Amino acid sequence: MAADLGELLVPYMPTIRVPRTGDMVFKSECAFSYDSPESEGGLYVCMNTFLGFGREHVERHYRKTGQSVYMHLKRHVKEKATGAAGGAVPRRRNGKVFLDLELNRDFNGEDYEYEDEAKLVIFPDHFEIPLPNIEELPALVTIACDAVLNAPSAYKKQEPESWEEEIQVSRHARSLRQQDNDVKILPSGWKCQKCEMRENLWLNLTDGKVLCGKWFFDGSGGNGHALEHYRETNFPLAVKLDTITPDGADVYSFEEEEAVLDPHLSEHLSHFGIDMLQMQQRTENGHHTDNNTRPRVSEWEWIQESGMKLKAVFGSGYTGIKNLGNSCYLGTIMQVLFSIPEFQRMYVGNLQRIYDYSPLDPTQDFATQMAKLGYGLLSGQYSKPPMKSELIEQHQQKGVSPKMFKALVSRGHPEFSSNRQQDAHEFFLHIINLVERNSSGLENPSDVFRFLVEDRVQCCQTRRVRYTQRVDYLIQLPAPIEAATNREELLAYEAKWKDAEENMRAPPERVRIPFTACLQAFTEPENVPDFWSSALQAKSAGVRTSRFSSFPEYLVMQIKKFTFGVDWVPKKLDLAIDVPDFLDLNRLRATGLQAGEEELPDLTPPIVLPEDTRDNSMSSLDSPEIDEAAVMQLAEMGFPLEGCRKAVYYTGNMGPEMAFNWIIAHMEEPDFAEPLTLPSMIDLGPSSSDSPMGATPLANSPPEESIALLTSMGFPRSHTIQALRATNNNLERALDWIFTHPEEEESDTVSDMADTEPNDNAFLNANSHSDSTLSPDQGTSGPRIKDGPGRYELFAFISHMGASTMSGHYVCHIKKEGRWVIFNDHKVCLSERPPKDLGYIYFYRRLSSS
């Protein structure tokens, strides 16, 4: 038999590989679906690419690649027989099989047992060879199989598990002597007793001192006062305050210089008045909570509808998304997007075409992974009710795990690629940008969000105006605290909140603001900083007002609940907005230039050269005009000075916040801290004196970052370069220039370019399934804009719980089949009281004209 197997495998030996260091082995999830070894058909792992495929998709991979040898992995899960010992460890058959495959947490180890099975399958005849079969298989095949079986699953987090295995009981735990000093630790409001730090706090288990930990390379941590205290006192053990749970806590031994276990931790904590059973863990169910503020109990309970007997729902469109640990921002956005017909049609309606034309590695293809997630959410295949109807109330669906999707869409992004909590608003814009880049077909689903905003800027001194248009995908509504309806409560709000924190009382009623006040604040004139009046040829006071030049099919509104504190950490305003179910914005439609208004001249600000001489012109180019105050503000945050200068320059001196975002996106680049070097920015030829006072378009070489940003919005590269050159590389003014200078020559070649330059013309590939009309002012070289009535109905909203975008938890409510449904990670239930007034991002759909 051994000879027969060897001869059978000889033709396939060149295609069988041994996984090398760095190879990802996808043995827990299919590349095209959420099938796993626990699925009915198991999982097939290609022995050449190590990609995993469910039973429905493995034939496609075989036909496309010709790879014939796959390892079939199957996990059999079943309930333990009656009378089995409770708490027994689930038994395994074949010890090495699935050695690093994470357990499905939906199966409680005390109630279920499982058997793992592996075999080689040769296509197209489906010839099966059971594993292990060391004596009968060629040596290379045996080595390859063993390597695949023992390789860690792709995306699996192994570091915490290996760390936990190394933690030992401290030799000081049993003999620790605690001081009788009557120190009692409150359950919140902790701060370092030496430096006022409120994070990374450690409680010394000998004398009860609360002190900060050491400073970490990423800017977090503290000032090392806990270690300093140990050196002064030799008190060896300390516990990290925000990790205390009924199951334990993080304990560190200064003398042993490592994390340790304290079997008597409950007794040691109770000495200082801490009841472990009452403490909350910093990360609970993947939701990051704050340790320096009292938990917002009312907000968390109200938004998640805690205490209500919510009915779980199952089936198509009612599939949850598992939280990978602070990934709820991703789950809520994707739930809303795939409730929109255009996204359903683009990715799920074209599923087979997308899969058939996917690249050899579908895990790295955006369209494939979008289709996979969309089908997982809409098919109902992963949201099935229990067999017994009486178990529905306590049954929770498994949902889908977005590991592969998150790894792809966050690749290269410094924030989304981390395991930290992120802003759902920023992720929405990020995913729309990816959709734009990858929409090279006839349909671009993000067309439904795109609209034009008209900005009217007026020179206060001459009263002359300029009208420009810009593309946007959502509107940000200010939250004017001064418009609160409960004004009396607002005046005493801060005092009441502080009193509630100190005395552990219920928090005061949050600030309530009418929605009309938010809209009014959005439309009111705002001052334009550093406004340069082309009529005066000098800086002057200017005001800007904004209106809708077009109305999108789906309107996204973000309530600006977050602001930056003095430490640059986003802080949340605790407020409620009376958001309406129906919205009419027609009165906010732009009107354009009005009779009697006089336009500002179409001139750009001049370059001011020191001493205004040609001899010194080149030295001035070495030092472009940069807002040094913004540079120093960023440098004080610890970023390299030259990197800060680049950030301020490439964001057009638009303020430290914009520059900060640029730094986050570019800080990993190798030349980030190198000095700012620019190409020649000005043409010193005779033509520079053709316009008065040197206010001429500038012949410059735009930075590639600026070109990439504008082309990612759908503008042709040539038009983008022309716009940047005409506006001295100012991104905001370049966008205005594009709309006021349509490039008509390109209209004849649009159809030819669409196939060869999809990134530059993504907006031209429009969704043709809508009755909405194109904006009449939109040129063929600009983004695709659909217009229609400004009447809308609320169909979804995303709510945030927590003190800032860097912490907390997101859930979303979506109106489906006339009823509100709450999506809270993998849990999907009918909503009893949708908290519309506490939302963060609201989604409206256009009402039909009928």
Foldseek 3Di string as FASTA:
>chain_A
DLVVQAVVCVVQVVQADADDPPQAAAQAAALQARAHLADPQAWWAQRRNNHIHGPVCPVLLCVVPVRFKTKGKHKDKDFDDPPPDFPDAADEDPCLAQVQPDDQVLDDRRTMHMYMWMWMATPDVRDTGGPDDCVRYPPRVNNRVSNSRNPHHPPDDCVVVVQVVPAAADPCQVVQAADLPLAADDQAQDAQPPPRHQPQWKAQLHDGHIHWPPADPVGDTDPHVVLVVCVVPVSFKIFGNQAQALVGGFMGGSVVGGTHDRPCVQVSNVSRPDHSHPHDHCADQLFGADRNFDFQVVQVCVQVVPPDQFFFDAFFLFFFEFRPRQCQLVRFLLSVLLVDVLLCCQQQVCPVVCSSPADSNSLQPLSSLSNRLSCQNGGRPQTDADPDPVCRSVDFTSGGYSSSVQCNLCPLFLPSNDSFHFFSVVVNVSVLLVLLQPQLALARSLLLQKFKKWKWKAFPPVRAIDIFIFIDRAAEFEQPLVQFPPVVCVVCQVVQQVVCRVVVHNHDDATEHEPVVRVVVLFDKDWDPQDQFLQVLGTGTMIMGMFTQFAGQKYKYFYCQWDADPLRFTFGRRYFYPDDQKDARQVRHDDPDDPPHHHGDPFERAQDFVVPDPVRRVVCVLPDDFDVVLLVSVVVNPDASQLSRVLRVLQPVPHNVSSVSVCSSPVPPPCSNPHDDFDDWADPDPCQVVDPPSRFQGQGAADPVLLLVVLSQQAASVLLRVLCSRHVNNNVSSSRVCLVDPDVVCLVCLVVCSVVPVSNHSQLSHDPPDPFPFSPSDDNRHGTHGHDGRMWGWFKFKAFGHTGSRGGRIKMWGQDPNFIWIHGRRTITTDDDNSNRRTRMTMIGHDDPD
